[in-house]
Every structure is written in structure tokens, then in C-alpha cells.
Amino acid sequence: MNIVLSRLGGALARFLSREHHVHGTASVTPPSLLAATLRPGDVLLVEGNSRISTAIKYLTQSTWSHAALYVGPLLAERGGPPEHVLVEADTVDGVRSVSLDTLAMLPSRICRPIGLSDAECQRVCRYAIERIGNRYDLRNVIDLARYLLPTPPVPLGMRRRMLALGSGDPSRAICSTLIAQAFQSVRYPILPVIEQRRSESPDCPACIQEIARIRHHSLFAPRDFDVSPYFQVVKPLLEQGFDFHGLHWTDRTTA
């Protein structure tokens, strides 16, 4: 029975991952510009063009449907292919390393964590690298079947929970779950739950403390890195010294 479910899940995953034409809502950054801007620890969000991407964008009400972690040369230093600088979780192939060219022709956004030390940044990258080869359990066909409708009729309050795939087993991951766990390994915030508590200190009994509580990793979506106040949105063109004086204009206007 497990073999049958696994084969059915594999076929369903391949169907959902198949690319189809979509009209992108953001511009595409040239690969060379991305390569010059990205730093280890950066999260690269992309607007995917697969069937499952359409469903994720609908459920999260966001442009971004996929996320990858830029690890730079760290993977090559561990014996990986030198052109592989990103780690991502794919529904079909599981956690894998890919080259920048794999995602470079899709609309993208760079989200950069602020304040990480070099050692902490390396720990985040190593966390993702060490999980290369982990796979999503394709026997869980029901989890995949929920994405057959690109715009499933799901109440707003339940959409985020519908994104969580699998049983929570750490060897099974989707893109945003993997990256969330990597940052949580060094206690870097993404979108923590903030609780306000009255201070127990006798010196300030009326003071209010803000306590951050970690959100479960299965509930993170790619858009969370974009809206997080702890990640800086980096625009490659501006980072590389944009000068509007160099633009060539025409006097003709467009409708």
C-alpha cells in the first residue's frame, strides 16, 4: 500500500510542479546583477510559474510562491558543485542545491537578515546544507491533493494552515519551512508572536515587557520574509550604484 501511495504522490507532485505560463507581476533581475548583490544568508523569493505556485500565491495573497537560501561558496567548500549557491526544498526532489540560473529568470526579491554575525550566518547556511537530500514523504497524497485547485475555496482564517505540508517530521520540508528552521536555529526572528507581560521587577512594577514566542516553522510562507520587519528588502539595481542620469528617455508617452 505504501508503494502505491508513494507512486501516486510522486505523479501528483510532478503534475503540480509542471510549469505553465503566467503573467509575472514583477520585473526580472538579470542573473549577473543578482550574483553581484546576493550575500550568504540572504533569502531569495521568486514568483513561480507552476500549478502549486499559483495555489500558494492565492492562499498567501502574495506575489511570492517560493523561497531559497543563498549560501554562496560554502557549499563548494564542502565538496558541492561550485555553481550551486542556493539551497531550496522542492516538492519532487526534496531539499537540494541549485545554481542561480535555476531561479534567475523568474521575478524575484532579496530579503536580507540584519545583525547576524559571520558565525551565525554560517550556522544558518550550514543548517540548510546539512539537510540536502531530505525529502517530502510523497505517501501523504492528501497533502498534495489540496493543491489541485489553483484557487481552493478556503476561508481566510484557514489559508495559512493549509500551506503546512507533512506531519511535522523534520526530514520533510517545503521551501519556507526549511528556511524558517534555519533562522530559528540561531533564534533570529521572522514573524514571532509577541506577548506583552507586566514586569515582575520590584523596581518597575508598572513596566510592560514584550516576550517573543517562536511561531511553528510549518506555518511560515514565502511572503513572511518579505513582510518581516527583521529582513531588509534589497534591490540589486540600487545596490550596484543606480544613476538615473544615465537613462535614455523618449518624449513619446505611453497609454
C-alpha atoms as a PDB file:
ATOM      1  CA  MET A   1       0.000   0.000   0.000  1.00  0.00           C
ATOM      2  CA  ASN A   2       2.840   2.387   0.842  1.00  0.00           C
ATOM      3  CA  ILE A   3       4.404   1.775  -2.579  1.00  0.00           C
ATOM      4  CA  VAL A   4       1.124   2.602  -4.330  1.00  0.00           C
ATOM      5  CA  LEU A   5       0.653   5.803  -2.313  1.00  0.00           C
ATOM      6  CA  SER A   6       4.256   6.840  -2.905  1.00  0.00           C
ATOM      7  CA  ARG A   7       3.936   6.396  -6.668  1.00  0.00           C
ATOM      8  CA  LEU A   8       0.630   8.238  -6.709  1.00  0.00           C
ATOM      9  CA  GLY A   9       2.154  11.043  -4.632  1.00  0.00           C
ATOM     10  CA  GLY A  10       5.144  11.255  -6.954  1.00  0.00           C
ATOM     11  CA  ALA A  11       2.913  11.547 -10.020  1.00  0.00           C
ATOM     12  CA  LEU A  12       0.815  14.204  -8.298  1.00  0.00           C
ATOM     13  CA  ALA A  13       3.892  16.159  -7.216  1.00  0.00           C
ATOM     14  CA  ARG A  14       5.265  16.134 -10.763  1.00  0.00           C
ATOM     15  CA  PHE A  15       1.919  17.341 -12.111  1.00  0.00           C
ATOM     16  CA  LEU A  16       1.721  20.191  -9.595  1.00  0.00           C
ATOM     17  CA  SER A  17       5.339  21.202 -10.250  1.00  0.00           C
ATOM     18  CA  ARG A  18       4.854  21.381 -14.010  1.00  0.00           C
ATOM     19  CA  GLU A  19       5.421  24.867 -15.359  1.00  0.00           C
ATOM     20  CA  HIS A  20       2.696  26.811 -17.121  1.00  0.00           C
ATOM     21  CA  HIS A  21       2.579  30.331 -18.468  1.00  0.00           C
ATOM     22  CA  VAL A  22       1.733  33.084 -16.002  1.00  0.00           C
ATOM     23  CA  HIS A  23       1.956  36.861 -16.344  1.00  0.00           C
ATOM     24  CA  GLY A  24       4.576  37.992 -13.845  1.00  0.00           C
ATOM     25  CA  THR A  25       3.759  40.980 -11.669  1.00  0.00           C
ATOM     26  CA  ALA A  26       7.375  41.984 -11.019  1.00  0.00           C
ATOM     27  CA  SER A  27      10.404  42.618 -13.197  1.00  0.00           C
ATOM     28  CA  VAL A  28      13.114  40.025 -13.769  1.00  0.00           C
ATOM     29  CA  THR A  29      16.567  40.895 -12.420  1.00  0.00           C
ATOM     30  CA  PRO A  30      19.478  39.896 -14.700  1.00  0.00           C
ATOM     31  CA  PRO A  31      21.393  36.893 -13.264  1.00  0.00           C
ATOM     32  CA  SER A  32      24.665  38.840 -13.224  1.00  0.00           C
ATOM     33  CA  LEU A  33      23.060  41.573 -11.118  1.00  0.00           C
ATOM     34  CA  LEU A  34      21.635  39.009  -8.695  1.00  0.00           C
ATOM     35  CA  ALA A  35      25.027  37.307  -8.376  1.00  0.00           C
ATOM     36  CA  ALA A  36      26.736  40.629  -7.619  1.00  0.00           C
ATOM     37  CA  THR A  37      24.214  41.518  -4.909  1.00  0.00           C
ATOM     38  CA  LEU A  38      23.429  38.322  -3.014  1.00  0.00           C
ATOM     39  CA  ARG A  39      25.236  37.545   0.243  1.00  0.00           C
ATOM     40  CA  PRO A  40      25.269  34.314   2.267  1.00  0.00           C
ATOM     41  CA  GLY A  41      22.178  34.221   4.455  1.00  0.00           C
ATOM     42  CA  ASP A  42      20.007  36.170   2.007  1.00  0.00           C
ATOM     43  CA  VAL A  43      16.572  34.762   1.231  1.00  0.00           C
ATOM     44  CA  LEU A  44      15.683  34.841  -2.458  1.00  0.00           C
ATOM     45  CA  LEU A  45      11.934  34.965  -3.058  1.00  0.00           C
ATOM     46  CA  VAL A  46      10.625  34.119  -6.517  1.00  0.00           C
ATOM     47  CA  GLU A  47       7.312  34.256  -8.310  1.00  0.00           C
ATOM     48  CA  GLY A  48       6.995  30.666  -9.505  1.00  0.00           C
ATOM     49  CA  ASN A  49       5.146  29.503 -12.585  1.00  0.00           C
ATOM     50  CA  SER A  50       3.951  26.042 -11.562  1.00  0.00           C
ATOM     51  CA  ARG A  51       0.468  24.891 -10.618  1.00  0.00           C
ATOM     52  CA  ILE A  52       1.374  24.654  -6.953  1.00  0.00           C
ATOM     53  CA  SER A  53       2.864  28.162  -7.124  1.00  0.00           C
ATOM     54  CA  THR A  54      -0.480  29.547  -8.289  1.00  0.00           C
ATOM     55  CA  ALA A  55      -2.218  27.988  -5.294  1.00  0.00           C
ATOM     56  CA  ILE A  56       0.407  29.267  -2.839  1.00  0.00           C
ATOM     57  CA  LYS A  57       0.132  32.803  -4.212  1.00  0.00           C
ATOM     58  CA  TYR A  58      -3.640  32.646  -3.818  1.00  0.00           C
ATOM     59  CA  LEU A  59      -3.535  31.228  -0.294  1.00  0.00           C
ATOM     60  CA  THR A  60      -0.983  33.792   0.902  1.00  0.00           C
ATOM     61  CA  GLN A  61      -2.349  36.704  -1.159  1.00  0.00           C
ATOM     62  CA  SER A  62       1.219  37.393  -2.225  1.00  0.00           C
ATOM     63  CA  THR A  63       3.361  37.602  -5.335  1.00  0.00           C
ATOM     64  CA  TRP A  64       5.943  35.222  -3.895  1.00  0.00           C
ATOM     65  CA  SER A  65       5.422  31.468  -4.063  1.00  0.00           C
ATOM     66  CA  HIS A  66       8.901  30.051  -3.459  1.00  0.00           C
ATOM     67  CA  ALA A  67      11.963  30.810  -1.351  1.00  0.00           C
ATOM     68  CA  ALA A  68      15.592  29.704  -1.493  1.00  0.00           C
ATOM     69  CA  LEU A  69      18.519  30.392   0.831  1.00  0.00           C
ATOM     70  CA  TYR A  70      21.706  31.819  -0.669  1.00  0.00           C
ATOM     71  CA  VAL A  71      24.707  30.004   0.829  1.00  0.00           C
ATOM     72  CA  GLY A  72      27.346  31.286  -1.583  1.00  0.00           C
ATOM     73  CA  PRO A  73      30.654  29.396  -1.766  1.00  0.00           C
ATOM     74  CA  LEU A  74      30.012  27.465   1.465  1.00  0.00           C
ATOM     75  CA  LEU A  75      28.557  24.511  -0.429  1.00  0.00           C
ATOM     76  CA  ALA A  76      31.536  24.327  -2.813  1.00  0.00           C
ATOM     77  CA  GLU A  77      33.880  24.405   0.182  1.00  0.00           C
ATOM     78  CA  ARG A  78      32.150  21.229   1.362  1.00  0.00           C
ATOM     79  CA  GLY A  79      32.638  19.480  -1.938  1.00  0.00           C
ATOM     80  CA  GLY A  80      29.455  20.581  -3.712  1.00  0.00           C
ATOM     81  CA  PRO A  81      29.246  21.812  -7.302  1.00  0.00           C
ATOM     82  CA  PRO A  82      30.886  25.259  -7.469  1.00  0.00           C
ATOM     83  CA  GLU A  83      27.944  26.774  -9.362  1.00  0.00           C
ATOM     84  CA  HIS A  84      25.427  25.668  -6.716  1.00  0.00           C
ATOM     85  CA  VAL A  85      24.935  28.635  -4.398  1.00  0.00           C
ATOM     86  CA  LEU A  86      21.275  28.206  -3.358  1.00  0.00           C
ATOM     87  CA  VAL A  87      19.532  25.640  -1.164  1.00  0.00           C
ATOM     88  CA  GLU A  88      15.823  25.076  -1.693  1.00  0.00           C
ATOM     89  CA  ALA A  89      13.154  22.493  -0.894  1.00  0.00           C
ATOM     90  CA  ASP A  90      11.387  21.087  -3.936  1.00  0.00           C
ATOM     91  CA  THR A  91       8.207  19.023  -3.742  1.00  0.00           C
ATOM     92  CA  VAL A  92       9.565  16.402  -6.146  1.00  0.00           C
ATOM     93  CA  ASP A  93      13.323  16.368  -5.428  1.00  0.00           C
ATOM     94  CA  GLY A  94      13.280  17.345  -1.765  1.00  0.00           C
ATOM     95  CA  VAL A  95      15.964  19.590  -0.267  1.00  0.00           C
ATOM     96  CA  ARG A  96      18.578  20.247  -2.921  1.00  0.00           C
ATOM     97  CA  SER A  97      21.242  22.710  -4.014  1.00  0.00           C
ATOM     98  CA  VAL A  98      20.829  24.602  -7.279  1.00  0.00           C
ATOM     99  CA  SER A  99      22.642  27.212  -9.321  1.00  0.00           C
ATOM    100  CA  LEU A 100      21.473  30.781  -9.515  1.00  0.00           C
ATOM    101  CA  ASP A 101      20.478  30.232 -13.149  1.00  0.00           C
ATOM    102  CA  THR A 102      17.713  27.876 -11.992  1.00  0.00           C
ATOM    103  CA  LEU A 103      15.709  30.747 -10.498  1.00  0.00           C
ATOM    104  CA  ALA A 104      17.301  33.788 -12.117  1.00  0.00           C
ATOM    105  CA  MET A 105      14.763  34.154 -14.958  1.00  0.00           C
ATOM    106  CA  LEU A 106      11.823  34.465 -12.561  1.00  0.00           C
ATOM    107  CA  PRO A 107      10.672  37.699 -10.885  1.00  0.00           C
ATOM    108  CA  SER A 108      12.482  37.815  -7.557  1.00  0.00           C
ATOM    109  CA  ARG A 109      13.133  39.739  -4.360  1.00  0.00           C
ATOM    110  CA  ILE A 110      16.105  39.623  -1.988  1.00  0.00           C
ATOM    111  CA  CYS A 111      15.361  39.668   1.752  1.00  0.00           C
ATOM    112  CA  ARG A 112      18.419  40.165   3.960  1.00  0.00           C
ATOM    113  CA  PRO A 113      18.651  39.449   7.706  1.00  0.00           C
ATOM    114  CA  ILE A 114      20.243  42.267   9.677  1.00  0.00           C
ATOM    115  CA  GLY A 115      22.728  41.950  12.515  1.00  0.00           C
ATOM    116  CA  LEU A 116      23.835  38.342  12.115  1.00  0.00           C
ATOM    117  CA  SER A 117      27.499  37.749  12.898  1.00  0.00           C
ATOM    118  CA  ASP A 118      29.581  35.838  10.368  1.00  0.00           C
ATOM    119  CA  ALA A 119      29.490  32.781  12.626  1.00  0.00           C
ATOM    120  CA  GLU A 120      25.695  32.951  12.987  1.00  0.00           C
ATOM    121  CA  CYS A 121      25.266  33.429   9.246  1.00  0.00           C
ATOM    122  CA  GLN A 122      27.386  30.342   8.618  1.00  0.00           C
ATOM    123  CA  ARG A 123      25.286  28.352  11.094  1.00  0.00           C
ATOM    124  CA  VAL A 124      22.121  29.308   9.220  1.00  0.00           C
ATOM    125  CA  CYS A 125      23.661  28.260   5.897  1.00  0.00           C
ATOM    126  CA  ARG A 126      25.095  25.039   7.322  1.00  0.00           C
ATOM    127  CA  TYR A 127      21.702  24.110   8.762  1.00  0.00           C
ATOM    128  CA  ALA A 128      20.194  24.172   5.270  1.00  0.00           C
ATOM    129  CA  ILE A 129      23.186  22.487   3.602  1.00  0.00           C
ATOM    130  CA  GLU A 130      23.189  19.618   6.110  1.00  0.00           C
ATOM    131  CA  ARG A 131      19.596  18.824   5.161  1.00  0.00           C
ATOM    132  CA  ILE A 132      20.253  18.406   1.451  1.00  0.00           C
ATOM    133  CA  GLY A 133      18.767  15.056   0.469  1.00  0.00           C
ATOM    134  CA  ASN A 134      15.822  15.226   2.863  1.00  0.00           C
ATOM    135  CA  ARG A 135      12.606  14.536   1.003  1.00  0.00           C
ATOM    136  CA  TYR A 136       8.912  15.145   1.381  1.00  0.00           C
ATOM    137  CA  ASP A 137       7.015  11.931   2.103  1.00  0.00           C
ATOM    138  CA  LEU A 138       5.029  11.521  -1.107  1.00  0.00           C
ATOM    139  CA  ARG A 139       2.808   8.879   0.503  1.00  0.00           C
ATOM    140  CA  ASN A 140       0.914  11.762   2.075  1.00  0.00           C
ATOM    141  CA  VAL A 141      -1.192  12.197  -1.050  1.00  0.00           C
ATOM    142  CA  ILE A 142      -3.922  14.180   0.711  1.00  0.00           C
ATOM    143  CA  ASP A 143      -1.448  16.993   1.463  1.00  0.00           C
ATOM    144  CA  LEU A 144      -0.632  17.302  -2.241  1.00  0.00           C
ATOM    145  CA  ALA A 145      -4.192  16.858  -3.480  1.00  0.00           C
ATOM    146  CA  ARG A 146      -5.294  20.050  -1.739  1.00  0.00           C
ATOM    147  CA  TYR A 147      -3.310  21.998  -4.375  1.00  0.00           C
ATOM    148  CA  LEU A 148      -5.169  20.547  -7.366  1.00  0.00           C
ATOM    149  CA  LEU A 149      -7.442  23.596  -7.339  1.00  0.00           C
ATOM    150  CA  PRO A 150      -5.306  26.686  -8.037  1.00  0.00           C
ATOM    151  CA  THR A 151      -7.764  28.824  -6.054  1.00  0.00           C
ATOM    152  CA  PRO A 152      -9.231  26.424  -3.472  1.00  0.00           C
ATOM    153  CA  PRO A 153     -12.359  27.680  -1.670  1.00  0.00           C
ATOM    154  CA  VAL A 154     -10.741  28.050   1.745  1.00  0.00           C
ATOM    155  CA  PRO A 155     -11.877  30.519   4.449  1.00  0.00           C
ATOM    156  CA  LEU A 156      -9.357  33.299   5.008  1.00  0.00           C
ATOM    157  CA  GLY A 157      -8.538  32.200   8.552  1.00  0.00           C
ATOM    158  CA  MET A 158      -7.623  28.680   7.436  1.00  0.00           C
ATOM    159  CA  ARG A 159      -5.411  29.526   4.446  1.00  0.00           C
ATOM    160  CA  ARG A 160      -2.109  29.645   6.303  1.00  0.00           C
ATOM    161  CA  ARG A 161      -2.680  26.240   7.902  1.00  0.00           C
ATOM    162  CA  MET A 162      -3.496  24.786   4.506  1.00  0.00           C
ATOM    163  CA  LEU A 163       0.060  25.559   3.429  1.00  0.00           C
ATOM    164  CA  ALA A 164       1.617  23.237   6.014  1.00  0.00           C
ATOM    165  CA  LEU A 165       2.688  20.021   4.307  1.00  0.00           C
ATOM    166  CA  GLY A 166       3.504  16.770   6.024  1.00  0.00           C
ATOM    167  CA  SER A 167       3.373  15.595   9.593  1.00  0.00           C
ATOM    168  CA  GLY A 168       5.957  17.952  11.035  1.00  0.00           C
ATOM    169  CA  ASP A 169       8.756  15.404  10.668  1.00  0.00           C
ATOM    170  CA  PRO A 170      11.970  17.496  10.344  1.00  0.00           C
ATOM    171  CA  SER A 171      13.108  15.303   7.436  1.00  0.00           C
ATOM    172  CA  ARG A 172      10.160  16.539   5.375  1.00  0.00           C
ATOM    173  CA  ALA A 173      10.287  20.136   4.298  1.00  0.00           C
ATOM    174  CA  ILE A 174       8.886  22.741   1.958  1.00  0.00           C
ATOM    175  CA  CYS A 175      10.811  25.848   0.981  1.00  0.00           C
ATOM    176  CA  SER A 176       9.717  28.334   3.627  1.00  0.00           C
ATOM    177  CA  THR A 177       9.673  25.703   6.390  1.00  0.00           C
ATOM    178  CA  LEU A 178      13.299  24.771   5.767  1.00  0.00           C
ATOM    179  CA  ILE A 179      14.488  28.393   5.768  1.00  0.00           C
ATOM    180  CA  ALA A 180      12.419  29.267   8.846  1.00  0.00           C
ATOM    181  CA  GLN A 181      14.027  26.396  10.749  1.00  0.00           C
ATOM    182  CA  ALA A 182      17.481  27.533   9.628  1.00  0.00           C
ATOM    183  CA  PHE A 183      16.957  31.016  11.087  1.00  0.00           C
ATOM    184  CA  GLN A 184      15.248  29.676  14.186  1.00  0.00           C
ATOM    185  CA  SER A 185      18.373  27.578  14.836  1.00  0.00           C
ATOM    186  CA  VAL A 186      20.142  30.837  15.784  1.00  0.00           C
ATOM    187  CA  ARG A 187      16.943  32.379  17.233  1.00  0.00           C
ATOM    188  CA  TYR A 188      16.722  35.016  14.511  1.00  0.00           C
ATOM    189  CA  PRO A 189      13.156  36.404  14.317  1.00  0.00           C
ATOM    190  CA  ILE A 190      10.966  36.202  11.230  1.00  0.00           C
ATOM    191  CA  LEU A 191       7.434  36.882  12.437  1.00  0.00           C
ATOM    192  CA  PRO A 192       7.437  35.909  16.116  1.00  0.00           C
ATOM    193  CA  VAL A 193       4.309  36.035  18.237  1.00  0.00           C
ATOM    194  CA  ILE A 194       4.770  38.985  20.626  1.00  0.00           C
ATOM    195  CA  GLU A 195       3.208  38.701  24.074  1.00  0.00           C
ATOM    196  CA  GLN A 196       3.033  41.627  26.476  1.00  0.00           C
ATOM    197  CA  ARG A 197       3.541  40.838  30.144  1.00  0.00           C
ATOM    198  CA  ARG A 198       3.675  43.029  33.226  1.00  0.00           C
ATOM    199  CA  SER A 199       7.187  43.207  34.631  1.00  0.00           C
ATOM    200  CA  GLU A 200       7.867  41.211  37.802  1.00  0.00           C
ATOM    201  CA  SER A 201      10.733  43.506  38.754  1.00  0.00           C
ATOM    202  CA  PRO A 202      10.105  45.355  42.054  1.00  0.00           C
ATOM    203  CA  ASP A 203      11.960  48.368  40.618  1.00  0.00           C
ATOM    204  CA  CYS A 204       9.367  48.822  37.865  1.00  0.00           C
ATOM    205  CA  PRO A 205       6.085  47.074  38.701  1.00  0.00           C
ATOM    206  CA  ALA A 206       4.158  49.041  36.049  1.00  0.00           C
ATOM    207  CA  CYS A 207       6.586  48.242  33.215  1.00  0.00           C
ATOM    208  CA  ILE A 208       5.422  46.090  30.322  1.00  0.00           C
ATOM    209  CA  GLN A 209       7.783  43.522  28.811  1.00  0.00           C
ATOM    210  CA  GLU A 210       7.500  42.211  25.257  1.00  0.00           C
ATOM    211  CA  ILE A 211       8.220  38.484  25.066  1.00  0.00           C
ATOM    212  CA  ALA A 212       8.822  36.939  21.636  1.00  0.00           C
ATOM    213  CA  ARG A 213       7.482  33.430  21.118  1.00  0.00           C
ATOM    214  CA  ILE A 214       8.632  31.344  18.153  1.00  0.00           C
ATOM    215  CA  ARG A 215       5.945  30.588  15.577  1.00  0.00           C
ATOM    216  CA  HIS A 216       5.854  26.964  14.478  1.00  0.00           C
ATOM    217  CA  HIS A 217       8.007  26.535  11.384  1.00  0.00           C
ATOM    218  CA  SER A 218       5.285  24.740   9.397  1.00  0.00           C
ATOM    219  CA  LEU A 219       3.164  27.911   9.368  1.00  0.00           C
ATOM    220  CA  PHE A 220       5.652  30.117   7.518  1.00  0.00           C
ATOM    221  CA  ALA A 221       5.070  31.134   3.910  1.00  0.00           C
ATOM    222  CA  PRO A 222       7.489  32.778   1.442  1.00  0.00           C
ATOM    223  CA  ARG A 223       5.767  36.154   1.871  1.00  0.00           C
ATOM    224  CA  ASP A 224       6.662  36.211   5.585  1.00  0.00           C
ATOM    225  CA  PHE A 225      10.290  37.037   4.781  1.00  0.00           C
ATOM    226  CA  ASP A 226       9.062  39.973   2.673  1.00  0.00           C
ATOM    227  CA  VAL A 227       6.747  41.446   5.319  1.00  0.00           C
ATOM    228  CA  SER A 228       9.009  40.661   8.278  1.00  0.00           C
ATOM    229  CA  PRO A 229      10.333  43.836   9.958  1.00  0.00           C
ATOM    230  CA  TYR A 230      13.606  41.981  10.621  1.00  0.00           C
ATOM    231  CA  PHE A 231      14.541  41.430   6.962  1.00  0.00           C
ATOM    232  CA  GLN A 232      15.682  44.232   4.665  1.00  0.00           C
ATOM    233  CA  VAL A 233      14.409  44.246   1.086  1.00  0.00           C
ATOM    234  CA  VAL A 234      17.472  44.640  -1.136  1.00  0.00           C
ATOM    235  CA  LYS A 235      17.098  45.987  -4.669  1.00  0.00           C
ATOM    236  CA  PRO A 236      20.049  44.881  -6.832  1.00  0.00           C
ATOM    237  CA  LEU A 237      19.905  47.821  -9.224  1.00  0.00           C
ATOM    238  CA  LEU A 238      20.150  50.341  -6.371  1.00  0.00           C
ATOM    239  CA  GLU A 239      22.830  48.321  -4.570  1.00  0.00           C
ATOM    240  CA  GLN A 240      25.072  48.418  -7.619  1.00  0.00           C
ATOM    241  CA  GLY A 241      25.028  52.209  -7.912  1.00  0.00           C
ATOM    242  CA  PHE A 242      21.958  53.222  -9.923  1.00  0.00           C
ATOM    243  CA  ASP A 243      22.204  56.670 -11.547  1.00  0.00           C
ATOM    244  CA  PHE A 244      19.050  57.947 -13.198  1.00  0.00           C
ATOM    245  CA  HIS A 245      21.128  60.423 -15.214  1.00  0.00           C
ATOM    246  CA  GLY A 246      22.206  57.539 -17.407  1.00  0.00           C
ATOM    247  CA  LEU A 247      18.669  56.726 -18.572  1.00  0.00           C
ATOM    248  CA  HIS A 248      17.738  57.422 -22.182  1.00  0.00           C
ATOM    249  CA  TRP A 249      14.231  58.905 -22.457  1.00  0.00           C
ATOM    250  CA  THR A 250      11.876  59.452 -25.346  1.00  0.00           C
ATOM    251  CA  ASP A 251       9.370  62.271 -25.440  1.00  0.00           C
ATOM    252  CA  ARG A 252       6.639  59.907 -26.528  1.00  0.00           C
ATOM    253  CA  THR A 253       4.195  58.869 -23.803  1.00  0.00           C
ATOM    254  CA  THR A 254       2.547  55.512 -23.350  1.00  0.00           C
ATOM    255  CA  ALA A 255      -1.097  54.914 -22.586  1.00  0.00           C
END
